[in-house]
Protein backbone atom coordinates (compact mmCIF):
# COMPACT_ATOMS: atom_id res chain seq x y z
CA MET A 1 0.00 0.00 0.00
CA ASP A 2 1.26 3.43 -0.91
CA PRO A 3 1.10 5.80 2.09
CA HIS A 4 0.85 8.65 -0.39
CA LEU A 5 -2.50 7.24 -1.60
CA PRO A 6 -4.52 7.06 1.66
CA HIS A 7 -7.79 6.45 -0.16
CA LEU A 8 -6.42 3.13 -1.43
CA ILE A 9 -5.50 2.09 2.10
CA ARG A 10 -8.99 3.01 3.29
CA ASP A 11 -10.65 1.12 0.42
CA CYS A 12 -8.58 -1.98 1.15
CA LEU A 13 -9.43 -1.81 4.86
CA ILE A 14 -13.14 -1.50 4.11
CA HIS A 15 -12.95 -4.53 1.83
CA VAL A 16 -11.19 -6.57 4.53
CA PHE A 17 -13.72 -5.42 7.14
CA THR A 18 -16.60 -6.88 5.09
CA PHE A 19 -15.43 -10.32 6.29
CA LEU A 20 -15.70 -9.41 10.00
CA THR A 21 -18.54 -9.95 12.43
CA GLU A 22 -20.00 -6.95 14.24
CA GLU A 23 -17.97 -7.79 17.37
CA ASP A 24 -14.73 -8.00 15.40
CA LEU A 25 -15.55 -4.83 13.50
CA ILE A 26 -16.04 -2.93 16.77
CA SER A 27 -12.73 -4.30 18.07
CA ALA A 28 -10.95 -3.32 14.85
CA SER A 29 -12.26 0.25 15.15
CA SER A 30 -10.22 0.73 18.35
CA VAL A 31 -6.83 -0.12 16.77
CA CYS A 32 -6.04 3.30 15.35
CA LYS A 33 -7.63 6.34 13.76
CA ASP A 34 -7.43 4.96 10.21
CA TRP A 35 -9.04 1.69 11.23
CA HIS A 36 -11.67 3.55 13.24
CA ASP A 37 -12.63 5.71 10.27
CA ALA A 38 -12.79 2.70 7.96
CA ALA A 39 -14.81 0.62 10.44
CA ASP A 40 -17.34 3.46 10.81
CA THR A 41 -18.07 3.58 7.09
CA PRO A 42 -21.89 3.77 6.77
CA TRP A 43 -21.86 1.34 3.82
CA LEU A 44 -20.38 -1.41 6.02
CA TRP A 45 -23.11 -1.10 8.65
CA ARG A 46 -25.85 -0.73 6.04
CA ARG A 47 -24.62 -3.98 4.51
CA MET A 48 -24.67 -5.72 7.90
CA CYS A 49 -28.20 -4.44 8.61
CA LEU A 50 -29.59 -5.72 5.33
CA GLN A 51 -27.78 -9.05 5.68
CA ARG A 52 -29.21 -9.65 9.15
CA TRP A 53 -32.73 -8.27 8.58
CA SER A 54 -34.69 -8.39 5.37
CA PHE A 55 -36.66 -5.40 6.69
CA CYS A 56 -35.19 -2.15 8.01
CA ASN A 57 -37.04 1.10 8.61
CA LEU A 58 -34.85 3.32 6.45
CA ALA A 59 -37.14 6.30 6.99
CA VAL A 60 -36.08 6.69 10.63
CA LEU A 61 -32.42 7.03 9.64
CA GLY A 62 -32.90 10.25 7.68
CA SER A 63 -29.52 11.65 6.78
CA GLU A 64 -26.32 10.05 8.02
CA GLN A 65 -26.38 11.95 11.29
CA GLU A 66 -24.60 10.62 14.32
CA ASN A 67 -27.77 9.72 16.18
CA HIS A 68 -29.37 8.03 13.18
CA SER A 69 -26.49 6.17 11.57
CA TRP A 70 -26.59 2.64 10.21
CA LYS A 71 -24.13 1.61 12.94
CA LYS A 72 -26.33 2.90 15.75
CA TYR A 73 -29.39 1.35 14.12
CA PHE A 74 -27.62 -2.03 13.98
CA LEU A 75 -26.34 -1.92 17.56
CA ARG A 76 -29.58 -0.62 19.01
CA ARG A 77 -31.68 -3.23 17.22
CA CYS A 78 -29.34 -6.07 18.24
CA HIS A 79 -29.50 -4.88 21.84
CA LEU A 80 -33.31 -4.72 21.79
CA GLU A 81 -33.63 -8.15 20.18
CA THR A 82 -31.30 -9.61 22.80
CA LYS A 83 -33.57 -8.24 25.52
CA MET A 84 -36.68 -9.61 23.79
CA THR A 85 -35.02 -12.99 23.24
CA LYS A 86 -33.80 -13.47 26.81
CA GLY A 87 -36.71 -11.84 28.68
CA ARG A 88 -34.62 -11.25 31.78
CA SER A 89 -35.77 -9.13 34.70
CA GLY A 90 -34.78 -5.55 34.01
CA GLY A 91 -34.93 -6.04 30.26
CA TYR A 92 -38.60 -5.14 30.19
CA THR A 93 -41.30 -3.47 32.24
CA CYS A 94 -44.70 -4.97 33.05
CA LYS A 95 -47.63 -2.71 33.83
CA SER A 96 -51.28 -3.42 34.56
CA LEU A 97 -53.93 -1.34 32.80
CA ARG A 98 -57.12 -1.30 34.83
CA GLY A 99 -60.45 0.32 34.09
CA HIS A 100 -62.75 -2.15 32.37
CA THR A 101 -65.49 -3.45 34.64
CA SER A 102 -66.26 -6.56 32.62
CA ARG A 103 -64.78 -8.99 30.08
CA VAL A 104 -62.37 -7.75 27.38
CA VAL A 105 -63.47 -9.06 23.96
CA GLY A 106 -60.54 -7.76 21.94
CA LEU A 107 -57.53 -5.45 21.82
CA VAL A 108 -55.65 -3.82 18.92
CA TYR A 109 -52.67 -1.56 18.39
CA LEU A 110 -53.95 1.78 17.11
CA GLN A 111 -50.44 3.20 17.06
CA GLY A 112 -47.50 0.87 17.44
CA ASN A 113 -43.96 0.11 16.37
CA SER A 114 -44.37 -1.87 13.16
CA SER A 115 -42.90 -5.37 13.22
CA HIS A 116 -42.05 -4.96 9.53
CA LEU A 117 -40.48 -1.49 9.78
CA PRO A 118 -39.46 -0.89 13.40
CA ASP A 119 -38.63 2.62 14.53
CA LEU A 120 -36.09 1.98 17.28
CA TRP A 121 -36.07 5.59 18.45
CA SER A 122 -39.80 5.69 19.17
CA ASN A 123 -41.34 3.94 22.15
CA SER A 124 -44.85 5.35 21.79
CA ALA A 125 -47.66 2.83 21.45
CA THR A 126 -51.42 3.16 21.83
CA VAL A 127 -53.61 0.11 22.38
CA CYS A 128 -57.41 0.12 22.23
CA SER A 129 -59.51 -2.47 24.04
CA ALA A 130 -63.22 -3.30 23.85
CA SER A 131 -65.28 -4.84 26.62
CA THR A 132 -68.69 -6.22 27.43
CA ASP A 133 -68.95 -3.27 29.83
CA GLY A 134 -69.88 -1.31 26.67
CA THR A 135 -66.78 0.88 26.46
CA VAL A 136 -63.76 1.28 24.21
CA ARG A 137 -60.63 2.43 26.01
CA ALA A 138 -57.38 3.76 24.54
CA TRP A 139 -54.17 3.29 26.53
CA ASP A 140 -50.66 4.73 26.40
CA ILE A 141 -48.91 1.49 27.29
CA GLN A 142 -45.49 2.99 28.04
CA ASN A 143 -46.85 5.48 30.58
CA CYS A 144 -49.71 3.26 31.79
CA GLU A 145 -52.24 6.01 31.09
CA LEU A 146 -55.85 5.92 29.96
CA LEU A 147 -56.07 8.31 27.00
CA TRP A 148 -59.83 8.18 26.49
CA CYS A 149 -62.91 6.11 27.17
CA SER A 150 -66.00 5.98 24.96
CA PRO A 151 -69.54 6.49 26.30
CA VAL A 152 -71.20 3.30 27.56
CA GLN A 153 -73.32 1.41 25.05
CA SER A 154 -74.54 -2.17 24.65
CA PRO A 155 -71.95 -4.87 25.41
CA LEU A 156 -69.23 -4.80 22.76
CA THR A 157 -68.48 -7.97 20.78
CA GLY A 158 -65.56 -7.02 18.50
CA ILE A 159 -62.92 -4.43 17.65
CA VAL A 160 -60.60 -3.66 14.71
CA CYS A 161 -58.61 -0.55 13.83
CA ASP A 162 -57.00 1.24 10.92
CA GLU A 163 -53.68 2.75 11.96
CA LYS A 164 -53.38 4.68 8.68
CA HIS A 165 -56.58 6.67 9.25
CA GLU A 166 -56.29 6.47 13.08
CA VAL A 167 -59.77 5.08 13.64
CA VAL A 168 -61.21 2.25 15.73
CA VAL A 169 -64.25 0.20 14.68
CA THR A 170 -66.43 -1.74 17.13
CA SER A 171 -69.54 -3.92 17.04
CA ASP A 172 -71.96 -4.46 19.90
CA SER A 173 -74.50 -7.11 20.90
CA THR A 174 -77.29 -5.34 18.98
CA GLY A 175 -75.27 -5.35 15.75
CA LEU A 176 -74.47 -1.65 15.85
CA ILE A 177 -71.18 -0.81 14.11
CA LYS A 178 -69.39 2.34 15.27
CA VAL A 179 -66.29 4.18 14.08
CA TRP A 180 -64.28 6.11 16.69
CA GLN A 181 -61.64 8.77 16.14
CA GLY A 182 -58.47 7.19 17.52
CA GLN A 183 -56.88 10.30 19.03
CA THR A 184 -59.93 11.65 20.86
CA GLY A 185 -62.47 8.83 21.11
CA GLN A 186 -65.10 10.91 19.35
CA GLU A 187 -67.77 8.91 17.48
CA VAL A 188 -67.41 9.34 13.71
CA ALA A 189 -70.27 7.22 12.30
CA SER A 190 -72.52 4.25 13.03
CA PHE A 191 -74.33 1.57 11.02
CA PRO A 192 -77.03 -0.85 12.31
CA THR A 193 -76.80 -4.47 11.13
CA ALA A 194 -79.53 -5.84 13.46
CA SER A 195 -77.40 -8.90 14.19
CA SER A 196 -76.28 -10.11 17.61
CA HIS A 197 -73.02 -11.37 16.05
CA CYS A 198 -70.67 -9.38 13.82
CA THR A 199 -67.23 -10.27 12.49
CA LEU A 200 -65.27 -7.19 11.38
CA LEU A 201 -62.71 -6.89 8.59
CA GLN A 202 -61.17 -3.51 7.71
CA TYR A 203 -58.89 -2.92 4.72
CA ASN A 204 -57.69 -0.15 2.42
CA ILE A 205 -57.48 -0.30 -1.36
CA ASN A 206 -55.27 2.50 -2.64
CA ASN A 207 -56.60 5.48 -0.65
CA ASP A 208 -60.13 4.10 -0.21
CA TRP A 209 -61.36 2.77 3.15
CA PHE A 210 -63.62 -0.29 3.44
CA LEU A 211 -65.22 -2.40 6.17
CA THR A 212 -66.68 -5.85 5.49
CA VAL A 213 -68.97 -7.26 8.18
CA GLY A 214 -70.05 -10.89 8.56
CA ASN A 215 -73.28 -11.27 10.52
CA GLY A 216 -75.18 -13.94 12.43
CA GLN A 217 -77.53 -14.70 9.52
CA GLY A 218 -74.71 -15.82 7.23
CA SER A 219 -74.34 -12.77 5.02
CA VAL A 220 -71.44 -10.40 4.35
CA CYS A 221 -72.07 -6.65 4.08
CA THR A 222 -69.47 -4.20 2.75
CA LEU A 223 -69.35 -0.56 3.85
CA ALA A 224 -67.28 2.22 2.30
CA ASP A 225 -65.55 5.33 3.71
CA LEU A 226 -65.64 6.47 7.32
CA ALA A 227 -69.33 7.42 6.96
CA LEU A 228 -70.11 3.66 6.63
CA THR A 229 -71.94 3.86 3.31
CA LYS A 230 -73.41 0.47 2.35
CA LYS A 231 -72.04 -0.87 -0.94
CA SER A 232 -73.18 -4.51 -1.16
CA SER A 233 -74.44 -7.60 0.65
CA VAL A 234 -74.06 -11.29 -0.22
CA MET A 235 -75.18 -14.52 1.47
CA VAL A 236 -72.29 -16.94 2.10
CA CYS A 237 -73.17 -19.23 5.04
CA ASP A 238 -76.91 -20.04 4.70
CA THR A 239 -78.16 -18.70 8.08
CA PHE A 240 -75.04 -19.74 10.05
CA LYS A 241 -72.98 -16.93 11.53
CA VAL A 242 -69.89 -15.77 9.64
CA ASN A 243 -66.94 -16.22 12.00
CA VAL A 244 -64.15 -16.66 9.42
CA LEU A 245 -63.47 -13.42 7.52
CA LEU A 246 -60.13 -12.34 6.05
CA VAL A 247 -58.66 -10.41 3.12
CA SER A 248 -55.80 -11.44 0.83
CA PRO A 249 -52.50 -9.50 0.84
CA ASP A 250 -53.26 -8.06 -2.61
CA LYS A 251 -56.77 -7.06 -1.36
CA LYS A 252 -58.40 -8.74 -4.36
CA TRP A 253 -60.09 -11.51 -2.36
CA ILE A 254 -62.26 -11.89 0.73
CA ALA A 255 -62.51 -15.33 2.32
CA ALA A 256 -65.66 -15.93 4.39
CA GLY A 257 -67.02 -18.96 6.17
CA THR A 258 -68.47 -20.48 9.31
CA LYS A 259 -67.09 -22.92 11.86
CA GLU A 260 -70.60 -23.94 12.96
CA ASN A 261 -71.61 -26.30 10.15
CA ASP A 262 -69.44 -29.23 9.05
CA ASP A 263 -71.22 -29.53 5.69
CA LEU A 264 -70.72 -25.95 4.49
CA SER A 265 -67.73 -24.80 2.46
CA PRO A 266 -65.96 -21.46 2.92
CA LYS A 267 -66.16 -19.06 0.00
CA VAL A 268 -63.89 -16.59 -1.72
CA ILE A 269 -65.39 -13.37 -3.04
CA TYR A 270 -63.88 -11.02 -5.61
CA THR A 271 -63.40 -7.79 -3.63
CA GLU A 272 -64.09 -5.51 -6.59
CA SER A 273 -67.58 -7.00 -6.91
CA LEU A 274 -68.22 -6.07 -3.26
CA ILE A 275 -66.93 -2.51 -3.35
CA SER A 276 -68.18 -1.70 -6.88
CA PRO A 277 -71.20 -3.96 -7.32
CA SER A 278 -73.02 -4.33 -10.62
CA VAL A 279 -76.71 -3.46 -10.65
CA ASP A 280 -77.63 -6.59 -12.61
CA GLU A 281 -75.24 -9.13 -11.09
CA ASP A 282 -74.53 -10.59 -7.67
CA PRO A 283 -70.99 -10.27 -6.24
CA LEU A 284 -68.58 -12.77 -7.79
CA CYS A 285 -68.29 -15.65 -5.33
CA GLN A 286 -66.91 -19.21 -5.41
CA SER A 287 -66.97 -22.09 -2.92
CA VAL A 288 -63.66 -23.59 -1.81
CA PRO A 289 -63.77 -27.40 -2.31
CA VAL A 290 -63.50 -28.36 1.38
CA SER A 291 -66.11 -28.48 4.14
CA GLY A 292 -66.10 -27.99 7.90
CA CYS A 293 -63.72 -25.01 8.01
CA GLN A 294 -62.03 -24.69 11.41
CA ALA A 295 -59.50 -21.93 10.68
CA ALA A 296 -58.07 -20.08 7.68
CA VAL A 297 -55.28 -17.67 6.82
CA PHE A 298 -53.91 -15.98 3.72
CA ILE A 299 -50.15 -16.43 3.27
CA PRO A 300 -48.75 -12.89 3.83
CA THR A 301 -45.95 -13.08 1.25
CA GLN A 302 -48.18 -14.40 -1.55
CA PRO A 303 -50.81 -12.34 -3.42
CA ALA A 304 -53.69 -14.81 -2.95
CA ARG A 305 -52.67 -18.13 -1.37
CA LEU A 306 -55.17 -19.42 1.19
CA ALA A 307 -54.56 -22.12 3.82
CA ILE A 308 -57.58 -23.78 5.47
CA VAL A 309 -57.84 -26.27 8.34
CA HIS A 310 -60.95 -28.40 7.74
CA HIS A 311 -62.59 -31.75 8.42
CA SER A 312 -61.42 -34.76 6.45
CA GLN A 313 -62.50 -38.39 6.22
CA PRO A 314 -63.28 -39.84 8.67
CA ARG A 315 -65.08 -36.72 9.90
CA GLN A 316 -63.24 -36.42 13.24
CA ASN A 317 -59.90 -36.03 11.45
CA LYS A 318 -58.46 -32.71 10.29
CA ALA A 319 -56.43 -31.65 7.29
CA LEU A 320 -54.70 -28.49 6.09
CA THR A 321 -55.19 -27.62 2.43
CA VAL A 322 -53.58 -24.76 0.52
CA PHE A 323 -55.26 -23.06 -2.45
CA ASP A 324 -54.31 -20.41 -4.97
CA VAL A 325 -57.12 -18.03 -5.92
CA SER A 326 -57.26 -16.21 -9.25
CA ILE A 327 -59.76 -14.80 -11.69
CA LYS A 328 -60.34 -15.77 -15.30
CA LYS A 329 -61.83 -12.94 -17.31
CA MET A 330 -63.67 -13.82 -20.50
CA LYS A 331 -65.48 -11.70 -23.04
CA TYR A 332 -68.88 -11.70 -21.38
CA LYS A 333 -68.20 -12.95 -17.87
CA SER A 334 -65.53 -13.69 -15.28
CA GLU A 335 -65.07 -16.72 -13.08
CA ILE A 336 -63.05 -17.46 -9.96
CA LEU A 337 -60.47 -20.25 -10.08
CA VAL A 338 -59.61 -22.01 -6.80
CA GLN A 339 -56.73 -24.42 -7.39
CA GLN A 340 -55.35 -26.79 -4.75
CA VAL A 341 -51.61 -26.45 -4.17
CA GLU A 342 -50.98 -28.78 -1.21
CA SER A 343 -52.95 -30.87 1.31
CA PHE A 344 -51.82 -32.93 4.30
CA PRO A 345 -53.42 -34.51 7.40
CA LEU A 346 -53.13 -33.01 10.87
CA VAL A 347 -52.87 -34.99 14.10
CA LEU A 348 -54.64 -32.90 16.73
CA ASN A 349 -55.14 -34.60 20.08
CA ASN A 350 -57.71 -32.21 21.50
CA GLN A 351 -60.77 -32.30 19.27
CA SER A 352 -62.79 -29.77 21.27
CA SER A 353 -60.29 -26.90 21.40
CA GLU A 354 -60.41 -23.95 19.05
CA ILE A 355 -57.80 -24.11 16.30
CA LEU A 356 -55.66 -20.98 15.85
CA LEU A 357 -53.87 -20.52 12.53
CA GLU A 358 -51.31 -17.90 11.42
CA ALA A 359 -48.76 -17.66 8.62
CA LYS A 360 -45.22 -16.33 8.86
CA SER A 361 -43.90 -16.49 5.31
CA SER A 362 -44.40 -18.16 1.96
CA ASN A 363 -43.49 -21.54 3.48
CA CYS A 364 -44.39 -21.46 7.15
CA ILE A 365 -47.69 -22.06 9.00
CA VAL A 366 -48.15 -21.71 12.79
CA LEU A 367 -51.00 -23.73 14.29
CA ALA A 368 -52.22 -24.00 17.88
CA ALA A 369 -54.82 -26.33 19.38
CA GLY A 370 -55.24 -27.27 23.01
CA GLU A 371 -51.92 -26.91 24.83
CA LYS A 372 -49.75 -27.54 21.75
CA LEU A 373 -48.16 -25.37 19.09
CA TRP A 374 -46.93 -26.67 15.72
CA VAL A 375 -44.94 -25.12 12.87
CA TYR A 376 -45.49 -26.69 9.43
CA SER A 377 -44.14 -26.00 6.00
CA LEU A 378 -46.81 -25.58 3.31
CA LYS A 379 -45.84 -29.03 2.02
CA GLY A 380 -46.74 -30.63 5.35
CA ALA A 381 -43.28 -31.05 6.89
CA LEU A 382 -43.35 -30.59 10.67
CA LEU A 383 -40.68 -27.98 11.39
CA ALA A 384 -41.20 -27.70 15.17
CA SER A 385 -43.69 -28.52 17.92
CA PHE A 386 -44.05 -27.25 21.48
CA GLN A 387 -46.08 -27.99 24.59
CA ASP A 388 -45.03 -25.15 26.88
CA HIS A 389 -48.50 -24.64 28.38
CA ILE A 390 -50.46 -26.86 30.74
CA MET A 391 -53.85 -25.48 29.70
CA PRO A 392 -55.26 -24.57 26.24
CA ILE A 393 -53.68 -21.77 24.25
CA SER A 394 -56.25 -18.98 23.95
CA SER A 395 -54.53 -16.58 21.53
CA ILE A 396 -51.36 -16.30 19.41
CA CYS A 397 -49.48 -13.44 17.75
CA VAL A 398 -47.01 -14.06 14.91
CA ASP A 399 -44.59 -11.56 13.35
CA ASN A 400 -41.21 -11.60 11.60
CA PHE A 401 -39.24 -11.84 14.85
CA ARG A 402 -41.25 -13.99 17.25
CA VAL A 403 -44.37 -15.94 18.14
CA VAL A 404 -46.22 -15.13 21.35
CA THR A 405 -48.74 -17.56 22.85
CA VAL A 406 -51.01 -16.97 25.83
CA SER A 407 -52.94 -19.60 27.71
CA GLN A 408 -55.68 -20.20 30.23
CA ASP A 409 -52.88 -21.33 32.58
CA LEU A 410 -52.06 -17.59 33.03
CA SER A 411 -48.70 -17.79 31.26
CA LEU A 412 -47.39 -16.00 28.19
CA ARG A 413 -44.76 -17.78 26.11
CA VAL A 414 -42.24 -16.10 23.79
CA LEU A 415 -40.65 -18.03 20.92
CA THR A 416 -38.27 -16.56 18.34
CA TRP A 417 -37.56 -17.41 14.70
CA ARG A 418 -34.14 -18.69 13.67
CA ASN A 419 -32.68 -19.50 10.27
CA ASP A 420 -30.75 -22.74 10.67
CA ARG A 421 -28.04 -23.36 8.07
CA ASP A 422 -28.95 -27.04 7.70
CA HIS A 423 -32.68 -27.10 8.43
CA GLY A 424 -33.84 -23.66 7.31
CA LEU A 425 -36.41 -21.62 9.23
CA THR A 426 -37.32 -22.92 12.66
CA LEU A 427 -38.79 -21.67 15.93
CA GLU A 428 -37.15 -21.75 19.36
CA SER A 429 -38.91 -21.50 22.71
CA GLN A 430 -37.26 -18.80 24.85
CA TYR A 431 -39.06 -17.90 28.09
CA HIS A 432 -42.42 -17.29 29.70
CA LEU A 433 -44.01 -14.34 31.47
CA LEU A 434 -46.68 -14.63 34.13
CA GLY A 435 -49.93 -12.70 34.05
CA GLY A 436 -50.63 -12.45 37.76
CA SER A 437 -52.04 -14.51 40.60
CA HIS A 438 -54.30 -17.54 40.07
CA THR A 439 -56.24 -16.43 43.14
CA MET A 440 -57.27 -13.25 41.32
CA SER A 441 -57.26 -14.29 37.66
CA ARG A 442 -58.42 -17.17 35.46
CA GLY A 443 -56.06 -16.86 32.49
CA PHE A 444 -55.06 -14.91 29.41
CA THR A 445 -57.70 -14.39 26.73
CA HIS A 446 -56.16 -12.18 23.98
CA VAL A 447 -52.69 -11.04 22.93
CA ALA A 448 -51.29 -8.48 20.47
CA CYS A 449 -47.71 -7.39 19.74
CA ASP A 450 -45.72 -4.70 18.03
CA TYR A 451 -41.95 -4.83 17.58
CA SER A 452 -41.02 -3.73 21.10
CA SER A 453 -44.03 -4.58 23.27
CA ILE A 454 -46.66 -7.21 24.08
CA VAL A 455 -50.15 -6.51 25.44
CA ALA A 456 -52.47 -9.25 26.68
CA SER A 457 -55.80 -9.35 28.49
CA VAL A 458 -56.26 -11.32 31.69
CA GLU A 459 -59.67 -12.61 32.80
CA GLY A 460 -60.36 -11.52 36.37
CA LYS A 461 -62.27 -13.76 38.79
CA ASP A 462 -64.19 -10.68 39.93
CA GLY A 463 -65.42 -10.16 36.35
CA LYS A 464 -63.08 -7.20 35.72
CA ASP A 465 -60.48 -7.99 33.08
CA VAL A 466 -57.04 -6.35 33.20
CA LEU A 467 -54.54 -5.60 30.44
CA LYS A 468 -50.90 -6.57 30.99
CA ALA A 469 -48.40 -4.47 29.00
CA TYR A 470 -44.82 -5.75 28.59
CA SER A 471 -42.48 -3.14 27.08
CA PHE A 472 -38.90 -3.76 25.94
CA THR A 473 -36.70 -0.69 25.50
CA SER A 474 -33.42 -0.35 23.65
């Protein structure tokens, strides 16, 4: 190396440093000034970030300022993930959010730290909960503060939210749908469905806002904009309540079904025919060729790949079948094509427990039933199984970093994803968190997560449910 050409020395050092781990790179930066300058090259740390995580929130970096550099992003995120992986005392805070006087029926993050694009410099998170006490409550989970509480109405039965428009949507026992302004709790609009059961599904297509509601009579109603303007209605479950309702990642398909009739098949509906219905034609709808739907999920990394757990022969057995959904447009009509991709049997010991189904990636399904948790590939290979709980799992949350399960045994279990060189993607059980005293509580009922926190509801023996908020800080 020619000392009269320092840029060549620096370029060579940077190239050598690409072969180092983060620990070795930090050690190398303390050798001398030249090594320190080379080891602090933003390109090196950007490369390490993108090698370790397929998702990075580049927007929070801004310019290459000292406080928002790729190096600090990498070190801060590693530190936070270590805390979340180990779950040691002092690595997180646990706070109880009290105020509901009855059972919590659901909770959602109105404002959180996205698991796909985490902002490591922001710890703000707002969670909204709905209860049979007839109120919606919004909580600042870091400061353990109640931000607002809605006026009391009939017992609430469901809750969803739209973080983009900062609104919360609820249904109550009379079938009344309400939209609430997320920052203030002010009522924005309402729509009566006259059904004691409502399943809510909110989604955005481009800049347009939609809400699809499945009711107790087996029909699906679609409402547009925050004023809840009715666009269409279609019968899908023949008088049985719609309790399976989800939208595909590309927003082109709605899947709807019921768990209450073993002879009925779930259906897929072309979303455009719901939001822009034709005067002369019914919404475009097609049955999926399985019956007795127990759970369903769209694969998040595929435009329209649907996985369904259903009854198989003999009837007490279960199977998981994967379908691709597409549309065939012809000159005078269009038809929906539902093509089977894979199918394999499931061995579930507890026949009476609710089946919970989530998807992590294009080749990974997470399934819970009873006390057990399984991870399958879409081809039916069992990647991992766990029995960390002694009572049935009541709710699960799956993101790119971890899986969180909560149970009626009053424990919360954290598992993290790992890419194994020989076996590919797998899941590892890490630790558990307790939700309180069995003398005061019956068990966890719901759980939700963002990148740096977990919130779960605990059923109180006095009838007053409590939220437990676990926050990890970097």
